[in-house]
Amino acid sequence: MSALLHSIYSNSKQRVPGINLKQLKTFLHVAELGKLSLASDVLGTAQPALSRQISMLEHELGVRLFNRHGRGMSTTGAGERLRERASFLIRYLEETQTDIQSFAKEVRGRVVVGMPATLAEVVAAELIENFMAMHPETSLRIVTGLSGHIHDWLQRGEVDVAVLYSQQADDSLVVEKLFNEELHLVFKPGFLPGKTRSISFAEICRLPLVLPAQRHGLRTLIEAHATSKGLSLDVQVETDSFRVLTNLASRGNYATILPARSIRAEIKAGLVEIRRITNPSPFRSLCLALPADRPTTSAVRLFADELKDAVRSPAVRH
């Protein structure tokens, strides 16, 4: 990536043929559409000019980026690698320009935020409204997914800032712990006998459970607790959908394990009950993450500060 940036920078100063943003944008359009004729229509540029730009880019890099065939053009292995990085590179340079210009103007630019769906449902609407009121020249995009997926998006530059659950040491990210949240057993009223407020982990292992799949961080954490006690879980259904988890738990055939914060509405409506888990009591950490290997814009830094305040508020934590 640094070599490609250096090439663009050097060529822009020397005013000689070489890699430039126009070539990269042309490359991305052709790679996406698969035909020069389609790219020509989209860009409003003659096909010979587009073909020349692609040829110059291949010459500069010393590799073939496309396979030409009767149906159009498809990327080679080198072309796919460039396709992965060029999108990030173009966005990075455009954001750099916006960020520098913001010193003389209001903060502006686009911020892409990744967070778990359960958290987004609680904080996203108010957070967006407040931030946009303070910084109307910015634009926001909230994407939700599993913590592992969000981690990958952040590393690839598809997300600027993220809220993640407990992460192992990762030199590619700057991680700030926000708080720990306790996990509870969630079930339909009447599913369990008695009115106690807690249940042991050993008792949970005897219940029919619906939990996320093995790759999910929540499942990994719960399985680790079971293993530490020499126990095994009776997981009868797997789903990564938060809504399916809560819906199945509320129907009475299965219990699940979730933070109480994420199901406050269902508890208030009497659809589910919760019990505190003991021996051991599972917790997971909520963290704010930024990329360590690339600079962040003023808009991203400001939004990260607002996001931290929103997530740490008592209304979210409890």
Protein backbone atom coordinates (compact mmCIF):
# COMPACT_ATOMS: atom_id res chain seq x y z
CA MET A 1 0.00 0.00 0.00
CA SER A 2 2.79 2.45 0.92
CA ALA A 3 4.55 1.80 -2.42
CA LEU A 4 1.35 2.55 -4.30
CA LEU A 5 0.80 5.77 -2.35
CA HIS A 6 4.42 6.79 -2.98
CA SER A 7 4.01 6.13 -6.72
CA ILE A 8 0.90 8.29 -6.96
CA TYR A 9 2.49 11.07 -4.89
CA SER A 10 5.74 11.03 -6.85
CA ASN A 11 4.01 11.02 -10.22
CA SER A 12 1.71 13.88 -9.23
CA LYS A 13 4.76 16.01 -8.37
CA GLN A 14 6.83 15.10 -11.42
CA ARG A 15 3.93 15.40 -13.88
CA VAL A 16 5.01 12.27 -15.74
CA PRO A 17 2.95 9.25 -16.77
CA GLY A 18 2.31 6.77 -13.93
CA ILE A 19 -0.35 5.56 -11.53
CA ASN A 20 -2.98 8.18 -10.81
CA LEU A 21 -6.45 8.35 -9.32
CA LYS A 22 -8.11 8.51 -12.72
CA GLN A 23 -6.52 5.22 -13.73
CA LEU A 24 -7.51 3.58 -10.45
CA LYS A 25 -11.11 4.76 -10.76
CA THR A 26 -11.23 3.52 -14.35
CA PHE A 27 -9.79 0.18 -13.24
CA LEU A 28 -12.45 -0.19 -10.52
CA HIS A 29 -15.31 0.56 -12.92
CA VAL A 30 -14.05 -1.93 -15.51
CA ALA A 31 -13.41 -4.57 -12.80
CA GLU A 32 -16.94 -4.13 -11.45
CA LEU A 33 -18.77 -4.02 -14.77
CA GLY A 34 -16.64 -6.56 -16.64
CA LYS A 35 -16.83 -4.75 -19.99
CA LEU A 36 -15.16 -1.66 -21.42
CA SER A 37 -18.38 -0.72 -23.23
CA LEU A 38 -20.35 -0.59 -19.98
CA ALA A 39 -17.61 1.36 -18.22
CA SER A 40 -17.50 3.76 -21.16
CA ASP A 41 -21.22 4.47 -20.80
CA VAL A 42 -20.95 5.01 -17.04
CA LEU A 43 -17.88 7.24 -17.20
CA GLY A 44 -18.77 9.05 -20.42
CA THR A 45 -15.31 8.29 -21.82
CA ALA A 46 -14.48 6.65 -25.15
CA GLN A 47 -13.49 2.98 -25.00
CA PRO A 48 -10.03 3.53 -26.58
CA ALA A 49 -9.21 6.06 -23.84
CA LEU A 50 -10.28 3.62 -21.11
CA SER A 51 -8.31 0.81 -22.71
CA ARG A 52 -5.25 3.06 -22.85
CA GLN A 53 -5.56 3.92 -19.15
CA ILE A 54 -5.79 0.24 -18.22
CA SER A 55 -2.77 -0.59 -20.40
CA MET A 56 -0.74 2.23 -18.83
CA LEU A 57 -1.66 1.00 -15.35
CA GLU A 58 -0.63 -2.57 -16.23
CA HIS A 59 2.65 -1.28 -17.67
CA GLU A 60 3.37 0.81 -14.57
CA LEU A 61 2.70 -2.11 -12.21
CA GLY A 62 4.40 -4.68 -14.43
CA VAL A 63 1.53 -7.19 -14.22
CA ARG A 64 -1.56 -8.12 -16.21
CA LEU A 65 -4.69 -6.97 -14.37
CA PHE A 66 -7.36 -8.37 -16.69
CA ASN A 67 -8.04 -11.48 -18.72
CA ARG A 68 -9.55 -10.39 -22.05
CA HIS A 69 -12.10 -12.76 -23.57
CA GLY A 70 -15.15 -12.72 -25.82
CA ARG A 71 -17.55 -12.03 -22.96
CA GLY A 72 -15.58 -9.04 -21.72
CA MET A 73 -12.84 -8.70 -19.09
CA SER A 74 -12.25 -10.47 -15.78
CA THR A 75 -9.62 -9.63 -13.18
CA THR A 76 -6.50 -11.73 -12.75
CA GLY A 77 -5.14 -12.59 -9.30
CA ALA A 78 -3.14 -9.36 -9.34
CA GLY A 79 -6.22 -7.48 -10.48
CA GLU A 80 -8.26 -8.82 -7.58
CA ARG A 81 -5.57 -7.73 -5.12
CA LEU A 82 -5.51 -4.24 -6.64
CA ARG A 83 -9.31 -4.16 -6.57
CA GLU A 84 -9.27 -4.84 -2.81
CA ARG A 85 -6.79 -2.07 -2.12
CA ALA A 86 -7.73 0.56 -4.68
CA SER A 87 -11.16 1.22 -3.15
CA PHE A 88 -9.59 1.85 0.22
CA LEU A 89 -6.79 3.95 -1.31
CA ILE A 90 -9.16 6.23 -3.22
CA ARG A 91 -11.37 6.68 -0.17
CA TYR A 92 -8.29 7.34 2.00
CA LEU A 93 -7.00 10.08 -0.31
CA GLU A 94 -10.44 11.69 -0.64
CA GLU A 95 -10.90 11.66 3.15
CA THR A 96 -7.43 13.19 3.58
CA GLN A 97 -8.42 16.07 1.32
CA THR A 98 -11.69 16.56 3.21
CA ASP A 99 -9.93 16.40 6.58
CA ILE A 100 -7.31 19.00 5.64
CA GLN A 101 -9.96 21.31 4.21
CA SER A 102 -11.92 21.06 7.47
CA PHE A 103 -9.27 23.16 9.25
CA ALA A 104 -10.64 26.21 7.47
CA LYS A 105 -14.30 25.16 7.59
CA GLU A 106 -16.78 23.17 9.58
CA VAL A 107 -15.96 19.53 10.20
CA ARG A 108 -17.11 17.50 7.25
CA GLY A 109 -16.67 14.08 5.73
CA ARG A 110 -18.23 10.63 5.85
CA VAL A 111 -18.01 8.37 8.89
CA VAL A 112 -18.77 4.65 8.64
CA VAL A 113 -19.49 3.09 12.02
CA GLY A 114 -19.73 -0.61 12.84
CA MET A 115 -21.52 -1.93 15.91
CA PRO A 116 -23.49 -4.96 17.09
CA ALA A 117 -27.19 -4.78 16.22
CA THR A 118 -28.21 -5.05 19.87
CA LEU A 119 -26.23 -1.91 20.69
CA ALA A 120 -27.28 -0.02 17.56
CA GLU A 121 -30.93 -0.45 18.48
CA VAL A 122 -30.29 1.30 21.80
CA VAL A 123 -27.92 4.14 20.89
CA ALA A 124 -27.85 4.73 17.12
CA ALA A 125 -30.91 6.97 16.59
CA GLU A 126 -30.18 9.51 19.31
CA LEU A 127 -26.44 9.44 18.65
CA ILE A 128 -26.92 10.19 14.95
CA GLU A 129 -29.39 13.00 15.60
CA ASN A 130 -27.11 14.68 18.15
CA PHE A 131 -23.98 14.37 16.03
CA MET A 132 -25.62 15.61 12.84
CA ALA A 133 -27.08 18.60 14.71
CA MET A 134 -23.58 19.58 15.88
CA HIS A 135 -21.82 18.76 12.58
CA PRO A 136 -24.31 19.15 9.72
CA GLU A 137 -21.58 18.97 7.04
CA THR A 138 -20.84 15.33 7.90
CA SER A 139 -22.61 12.18 6.76
CA LEU A 140 -22.96 8.95 8.72
CA ARG A 141 -23.42 5.31 7.87
CA ILE A 142 -24.14 2.71 10.56
CA VAL A 143 -23.46 -0.93 9.69
CA THR A 144 -24.34 -3.78 12.04
CA GLY A 145 -23.09 -7.34 12.24
CA LEU A 146 -21.35 -9.91 14.36
CA SER A 147 -18.35 -8.63 16.30
CA GLY A 148 -15.98 -10.80 14.25
CA HIS A 149 -17.34 -9.43 10.98
CA ILE A 150 -17.07 -5.84 12.21
CA HIS A 151 -13.46 -6.51 13.22
CA ASP A 152 -12.68 -7.68 9.67
CA TRP A 153 -14.42 -4.64 8.13
CA LEU A 154 -12.39 -2.32 10.33
CA GLN A 155 -9.13 -4.00 9.33
CA ARG A 156 -10.00 -3.78 5.62
CA GLY A 157 -10.86 -0.07 5.84
CA GLU A 158 -14.57 -0.56 5.17
CA VAL A 159 -15.41 0.81 8.62
CA ASP A 160 -13.78 3.85 10.28
CA VAL A 161 -14.63 3.23 13.92
CA ALA A 162 -16.34 0.33 15.66
CA VAL A 163 -17.73 -1.00 18.89
CA LEU A 164 -16.63 -4.59 19.42
CA TYR A 165 -17.01 -7.23 22.09
CA SER A 166 -13.97 -8.66 23.87
CA GLN A 167 -11.03 -8.75 21.47
CA GLN A 168 -7.72 -10.56 21.73
CA ALA A 169 -4.56 -8.47 21.41
CA ASP A 170 -4.41 -7.01 17.91
CA ASP A 171 -1.64 -4.62 16.86
CA SER A 172 -3.73 -3.39 13.91
CA LEU A 173 -6.30 -1.76 16.23
CA VAL A 174 -6.31 0.85 18.98
CA VAL A 175 -8.81 -0.53 21.48
CA GLU A 176 -10.35 1.26 24.47
CA LYS A 177 -12.43 -0.70 26.94
CA LEU A 178 -15.80 0.91 27.61
CA PHE A 179 -17.39 -1.38 30.21
CA ASN A 180 -18.19 -4.97 31.16
CA GLU A 181 -21.70 -6.31 30.78
CA GLU A 182 -23.09 -9.33 32.60
CA LEU A 183 -24.84 -12.09 30.69
CA HIS A 184 -28.14 -13.56 31.93
CA LEU A 185 -30.26 -16.61 31.23
CA VAL A 186 -33.32 -15.56 29.21
CA PHE A 187 -36.51 -17.63 29.08
CA LYS A 188 -40.31 -17.50 28.87
CA PRO A 189 -42.20 -16.94 32.14
CA GLY A 190 -43.04 -20.37 33.57
CA PHE A 191 -40.21 -22.12 31.70
CA LEU A 192 -38.32 -22.64 34.99
CA PRO A 193 -39.82 -23.58 38.36
CA GLY A 194 -39.57 -21.25 41.35
CA LYS A 195 -38.96 -17.53 41.62
CA THR A 196 -35.25 -17.40 42.44
CA ARG A 197 -33.20 -14.60 40.88
CA SER A 198 -30.17 -16.73 40.01
CA ILE A 199 -29.24 -20.05 38.45
CA SER A 200 -25.94 -21.95 38.47
CA PHE A 201 -24.00 -22.58 35.29
CA ALA A 202 -24.30 -26.32 35.93
CA GLU A 203 -28.10 -26.04 35.92
CA ILE A 204 -28.00 -24.11 32.64
CA CYS A 205 -26.11 -26.98 31.01
CA ARG A 206 -29.12 -29.21 31.65
CA LEU A 207 -31.51 -26.89 29.79
CA PRO A 208 -32.35 -26.92 26.05
CA LEU A 209 -30.58 -23.86 24.66
CA VAL A 210 -30.67 -21.71 21.54
CA LEU A 211 -27.33 -19.93 21.04
CA PRO A 212 -25.25 -18.33 18.28
CA ALA A 213 -23.06 -20.55 16.13
CA GLN A 214 -19.55 -21.55 17.20
CA ARG A 215 -17.80 -18.68 15.39
CA HIS A 216 -19.79 -16.08 17.36
CA GLY A 217 -17.89 -14.40 20.21
CA LEU A 218 -20.78 -14.87 22.66
CA ARG A 219 -20.88 -18.61 22.00
CA THR A 220 -17.11 -18.88 22.37
CA LEU A 221 -17.23 -17.14 25.74
CA ILE A 222 -20.06 -19.35 27.06
CA GLU A 223 -18.39 -22.54 25.81
CA ALA A 224 -15.16 -21.50 27.55
CA HIS A 225 -17.01 -21.15 30.87
CA ALA A 226 -18.56 -24.59 30.42
CA THR A 227 -15.20 -26.17 29.59
CA SER A 228 -13.58 -24.55 32.65
CA LYS A 229 -16.14 -26.38 34.83
CA GLY A 230 -15.91 -29.67 32.94
CA LEU A 231 -19.46 -29.19 31.65
CA SER A 232 -21.10 -29.31 28.22
CA LEU A 233 -24.00 -27.23 26.91
CA ASP A 234 -27.18 -28.72 25.45
CA VAL A 235 -27.38 -26.45 22.38
CA GLN A 236 -30.35 -27.68 20.34
CA VAL A 237 -30.64 -24.70 17.96
CA GLU A 238 -28.00 -22.34 16.57
CA THR A 239 -28.74 -18.91 15.09
CA ASP A 240 -26.74 -15.70 14.74
CA SER A 241 -29.93 -13.63 14.60
CA PHE A 242 -30.65 -11.71 17.79
CA ARG A 243 -34.35 -11.57 16.92
CA VAL A 244 -34.56 -15.33 16.41
CA LEU A 245 -32.77 -15.91 19.73
CA THR A 246 -35.21 -13.74 21.66
CA ASN A 247 -38.28 -14.98 19.77
CA LEU A 248 -37.46 -18.64 20.41
CA ALA A 249 -36.74 -17.95 24.08
CA SER A 250 -40.07 -16.13 24.43
CA ARG A 251 -41.99 -19.10 22.94
CA GLY A 252 -41.04 -21.41 25.80
CA ASN A 253 -39.16 -24.35 24.26
CA TYR A 254 -35.62 -23.02 24.74
CA ALA A 255 -33.62 -20.66 26.90
CA THR A 256 -30.80 -18.42 25.70
CA ILE A 257 -28.02 -16.28 27.18
CA LEU A 258 -27.90 -12.53 26.52
CA PRO A 259 -27.16 -9.23 28.27
CA ALA A 260 -30.22 -7.84 30.04
CA ARG A 261 -29.63 -4.47 28.35
CA SER A 262 -30.48 -5.90 24.93
CA ILE A 263 -33.88 -7.28 25.93
CA ARG A 264 -35.27 -4.56 28.20
CA ALA A 265 -38.34 -4.08 26.02
CA GLU A 266 -39.16 -7.81 26.07
CA ILE A 267 -38.71 -7.96 29.87
CA LYS A 268 -40.95 -4.93 30.37
CA ALA A 269 -43.62 -6.45 28.12
CA GLY A 270 -43.54 -9.68 30.15
CA LEU A 271 -42.43 -11.77 27.17
CA VAL A 272 -39.29 -13.08 28.88
CA GLU A 273 -37.69 -13.32 32.31
CA ILE A 274 -34.02 -13.34 33.25
CA ARG A 275 -31.92 -14.97 35.95
CA ARG A 276 -28.41 -14.08 37.01
CA ILE A 277 -25.91 -16.83 36.25
CA THR A 278 -23.58 -17.96 39.05
CA ASN A 279 -20.52 -20.17 39.43
CA PRO A 280 -19.24 -18.73 37.13
CA SER A 281 -20.94 -15.44 36.21
CA PRO A 282 -20.20 -14.70 32.53
CA PHE A 283 -19.25 -11.16 31.52
CA ARG A 284 -18.07 -9.70 28.25
CA SER A 285 -16.25 -6.44 27.56
CA LEU A 286 -17.50 -3.78 25.19
CA CYS A 287 -14.67 -1.89 23.45
CA LEU A 288 -14.22 1.06 21.10
CA ALA A 289 -11.80 0.27 18.26
CA LEU A 290 -9.97 2.46 15.74
CA PRO A 291 -7.41 1.39 13.12
CA ALA A 292 -3.81 1.69 14.28
CA ASP A 293 -2.27 1.55 10.79
CA ARG A 294 -4.00 4.53 9.18
CA PRO A 295 -4.86 8.07 10.29
CA THR A 296 -8.40 9.00 11.27
CA THR A 297 -10.20 12.13 10.08
CA SER A 298 -11.47 14.90 12.33
CA ALA A 299 -15.02 13.71 11.74
CA VAL A 300 -14.14 10.15 12.80
CA ARG A 301 -12.34 11.35 15.94
CA LEU A 302 -15.26 13.56 16.95
CA PHE A 303 -17.77 10.81 16.33
CA ALA A 304 -15.65 8.33 18.32
CA ASP A 305 -15.78 10.69 21.32
CA GLU A 306 -19.56 11.03 21.03
CA LEU A 307 -19.91 7.28 20.64
CA LYS A 308 -17.93 6.62 23.81
CA ASP A 309 -20.12 8.98 25.81
CA ALA A 310 -23.30 7.42 24.40
CA VAL A 311 -22.24 3.82 25.09
CA ARG A 312 -21.03 4.62 28.61
CA SER A 313 -24.27 6.34 29.60
CA PRO A 314 -26.27 4.67 32.40
CA ALA A 315 -29.23 4.28 30.02
CA VAL A 316 -27.17 1.92 27.85
CA ARG A 317 -25.20 0.08 30.52
CA HIS A 318 -28.12 -0.89 32.73
